[in-house]
C-alpha atoms as a PDB file:
ATOM      1  CA  MET A   1     -49.459 -26.535  29.191  1.00  0.00           C
ATOM      2  CA  LYS A   2     -50.948 -24.114  26.657  1.00  0.00           C
ATOM      3  CA  PHE A   3     -50.048 -20.437  26.461  1.00  0.00           C
ATOM      4  CA  VAL A   4     -51.102 -17.401  24.454  1.00  0.00           C
ATOM      5  CA  SER A   5     -48.514 -14.777  23.609  1.00  0.00           C
ATOM      6  CA  THR A   6     -49.366 -11.422  22.144  1.00  0.00           C
ATOM      7  CA  TRP A   7     -46.616  -9.404  20.604  1.00  0.00           C
ATOM      8  CA  PHE A   8     -46.263  -5.840  19.440  1.00  0.00           C
ATOM      9  CA  LEU A   9     -43.458  -4.374  17.383  1.00  0.00           C
ATOM     10  CA  ARG A  10     -41.141  -2.049  19.235  1.00  0.00           C
ATOM     11  CA  PRO A  11     -40.952   1.449  17.712  1.00  0.00           C
ATOM     12  CA  THR A  12     -38.690   1.491  14.641  1.00  0.00           C
ATOM     13  CA  ALA A  13     -38.356  -2.338  14.646  1.00  0.00           C
ATOM     14  CA  HIS A  14     -40.654  -3.112  11.708  1.00  0.00           C
ATOM     15  CA  ARG A  15     -38.001  -3.573   9.017  1.00  0.00           C
ATOM     16  CA  ALA A  16     -35.709  -5.726  11.184  1.00  0.00           C
ATOM     17  CA  ALA A  17     -38.641  -7.870  12.395  1.00  0.00           C
ATOM     18  CA  VAL A  18     -39.826  -8.464   8.830  1.00  0.00           C
ATOM     19  CA  GLU A  19     -36.315  -9.434   7.710  1.00  0.00           C
ATOM     20  CA  ARG A  20     -35.839 -11.852  10.627  1.00  0.00           C
ATOM     21  CA  PHE A  21     -39.257 -13.414  10.084  1.00  0.00           C
ATOM     22  CA  LEU A  22     -38.826 -13.828   6.327  1.00  0.00           C
ATOM     23  CA  THR A  23     -35.343 -15.339   6.583  1.00  0.00           C
ATOM     24  CA  GLY A  24     -36.549 -17.865   9.149  1.00  0.00           C
ATOM     25  CA  ASP A  25     -33.432 -17.337  11.259  1.00  0.00           C
ATOM     26  CA  VAL A  26     -35.273 -18.011  14.518  1.00  0.00           C
ATOM     27  CA  LYS A  27     -36.583 -21.531  15.084  1.00  0.00           C
ATOM     28  CA  ALA A  28     -38.575 -22.672  18.103  1.00  0.00           C
ATOM     29  CA  PRO A  29     -36.455 -24.817  20.443  1.00  0.00           C
ATOM     30  CA  GLU A  30     -37.188 -28.481  21.092  1.00  0.00           C
ATOM     31  CA  GLY A  31     -39.962 -28.781  23.658  1.00  0.00           C
ATOM     32  CA  PHE A  32     -41.877 -25.797  22.243  1.00  0.00           C
ATOM     33  CA  LYS A  33     -44.843 -26.636  19.988  1.00  0.00           C
ATOM     34  CA  THR A  34     -46.661 -23.933  18.038  1.00  0.00           C
ATOM     35  CA  LEU A  35     -50.404 -24.579  17.745  1.00  0.00           C
ATOM     36  CA  GLY A  36     -51.150 -21.460  15.728  1.00  0.00           C
ATOM     37  CA  ARG A  37     -49.889 -17.990  14.989  1.00  0.00           C
ATOM     38  CA  TRP A  38     -51.790 -15.016  13.605  1.00  0.00           C
ATOM     39  CA  HIS A  39     -50.619 -11.556  12.561  1.00  0.00           C
ATOM     40  CA  TYR A  40     -52.642  -8.377  12.981  1.00  0.00           C
ATOM     41  CA  THR A  41     -53.579  -7.013   9.575  1.00  0.00           C
ATOM     42  CA  ASP A  42     -52.126  -3.606  10.405  1.00  0.00           C
ATOM     43  CA  GLY A  43     -48.670  -5.172  10.892  1.00  0.00           C
ATOM     44  CA  SER A  44     -48.360  -4.029  14.509  1.00  0.00           C
ATOM     45  CA  GLY A  45     -48.073  -7.481  16.079  1.00  0.00           C
ATOM     46  CA  GLY A  46     -49.982 -10.685  16.547  1.00  0.00           C
ATOM     47  CA  VAL A  47     -50.917 -13.721  18.607  1.00  0.00           C
ATOM     48  CA  HIS A  48     -49.066 -17.006  19.136  1.00  0.00           C
ATOM     49  CA  ILE A  49     -50.658 -20.064  20.766  1.00  0.00           C
ATOM     50  CA  PHE A  50     -48.244 -22.757  21.874  1.00  0.00           C
ATOM     51  CA  GLU A  51     -47.592 -25.651  24.237  1.00  0.00           C
ATOM     52  CA  CYS A  52     -44.569 -25.870  26.490  1.00  0.00           C
ATOM     53  CA  ASP A  53     -43.832 -27.387  29.890  1.00  0.00           C
ATOM     54  CA  ASP A  54     -40.500 -25.680  30.549  1.00  0.00           C
ATOM     55  CA  ALA A  55     -40.276 -21.982  31.469  1.00  0.00           C
ATOM     56  CA  GLN A  56     -36.607 -21.865  30.469  1.00  0.00           C
ATOM     57  CA  ILE A  57     -37.471 -22.980  26.927  1.00  0.00           C
ATOM     58  CA  MET A  58     -40.159 -20.285  26.776  1.00  0.00           C
ATOM     59  CA  ALA A  59     -37.689 -17.664  27.974  1.00  0.00           C
ATOM     60  CA  GLN A  60     -35.111 -18.818  25.436  1.00  0.00           C
ATOM     61  CA  PHE A  61     -37.576 -18.465  22.561  1.00  0.00           C
ATOM     62  CA  ALA A  62     -38.787 -15.045  23.744  1.00  0.00           C
ATOM     63  CA  ALA A  63     -35.185 -13.869  24.063  1.00  0.00           C
ATOM     64  CA  GLU A  64     -34.713 -14.515  20.351  1.00  0.00           C
ATOM     65  CA  TRP A  65     -37.322 -11.835  19.605  1.00  0.00           C
ATOM     66  CA  ASN A  66     -37.443  -9.447  22.560  1.00  0.00           C
ATOM     67  CA  ASP A  67     -35.021  -7.003  20.952  1.00  0.00           C
ATOM     68  CA  LEU A  68     -37.723  -6.311  18.343  1.00  0.00           C
ATOM     69  CA  LEU A  69     -40.991  -7.241  20.038  1.00  0.00           C
ATOM     70  CA  GLU A  70     -42.813  -6.553  23.267  1.00  0.00           C
ATOM     71  CA  ILE A  71     -44.145  -9.981  24.282  1.00  0.00           C
ATOM     72  CA  VAL A  72     -46.812 -10.823  26.858  1.00  0.00           C
ATOM     73  CA  THR A  73     -47.418 -14.522  27.606  1.00  0.00           C
ATOM     74  CA  ARG A  74     -50.218 -16.016  29.683  1.00  0.00           C
ATOM     75  CA  PRO A  75     -51.259 -19.604  30.434  1.00  0.00           C
ATOM     76  CA  VAL A  76     -54.694 -20.575  29.089  1.00  0.00           C
ATOM     77  CA  VAL A  77     -57.227 -23.367  29.566  1.00  0.00           C
ATOM     78  CA  ASP A  78     -59.937 -24.651  27.235  1.00  0.00           C
ATOM     79  CA  ASP A  79     -63.691 -24.437  27.865  1.00  0.00           C
ATOM     80  CA  ALA A  80     -63.856 -27.781  29.679  1.00  0.00           C
ATOM     81  CA  GLN A  81     -61.011 -26.848  32.024  1.00  0.00           C
ATOM     82  CA  ALA A  82     -62.459 -23.387  32.690  1.00  0.00           C
ATOM     83  CA  GLY A  83     -65.916 -24.883  33.256  1.00  0.00           C
ATOM     84  CA  ALA A  84     -64.545 -27.379  35.794  1.00  0.00           C
ATOM     85  CA  ALA A  85     -62.797 -24.568  37.684  1.00  0.00           C
ATOM     86  CA  MET A  86     -65.945 -22.418  37.632  1.00  0.00           C
ATOM     87  CA  ALA A  87     -68.076 -25.344  38.867  1.00  0.00           C
ATOM     88  CA  LYS A  88     -65.803 -25.762  41.892  1.00  0.00           C
ATOM     89  CA  THR A  89     -66.012 -22.047  42.629  1.00  0.00           C
ATOM     90  CA  ALA A  90     -69.794 -22.023  42.157  1.00  0.00           C
ATOM     91  CA  GLN A  91     -70.145 -24.780  44.746  1.00  0.00           C
ATOM     92  CA  LYS A  92     -68.270 -22.649  47.272  1.00  0.00           C
ATOM     93  CA  LEU A  93     -70.626 -19.713  46.640  1.00  0.00           C
ATOM     94  CA  LYS A  94     -73.766 -21.673  47.587  1.00  0.00           C
END
């Protein structure tokens, strides 16, 4: 399943977050596949798109960063999946 996480730096966490990121101390666990990651140009946070089928693995990875970041994660679907869901709903509305 695909997910989108947005993260924002906690107040006063910028220096520690930069150090952790640059040293590469935190690696994604097995079963967690990053599809893309983007950083806001103002340095306040970013977006992470990933695949994972195990909530415990997701929690483990978030726990590695939640001392420095506020993380919000939501499941997502692509256009075809969203369109199929909307088509079913549209049929019920007729």
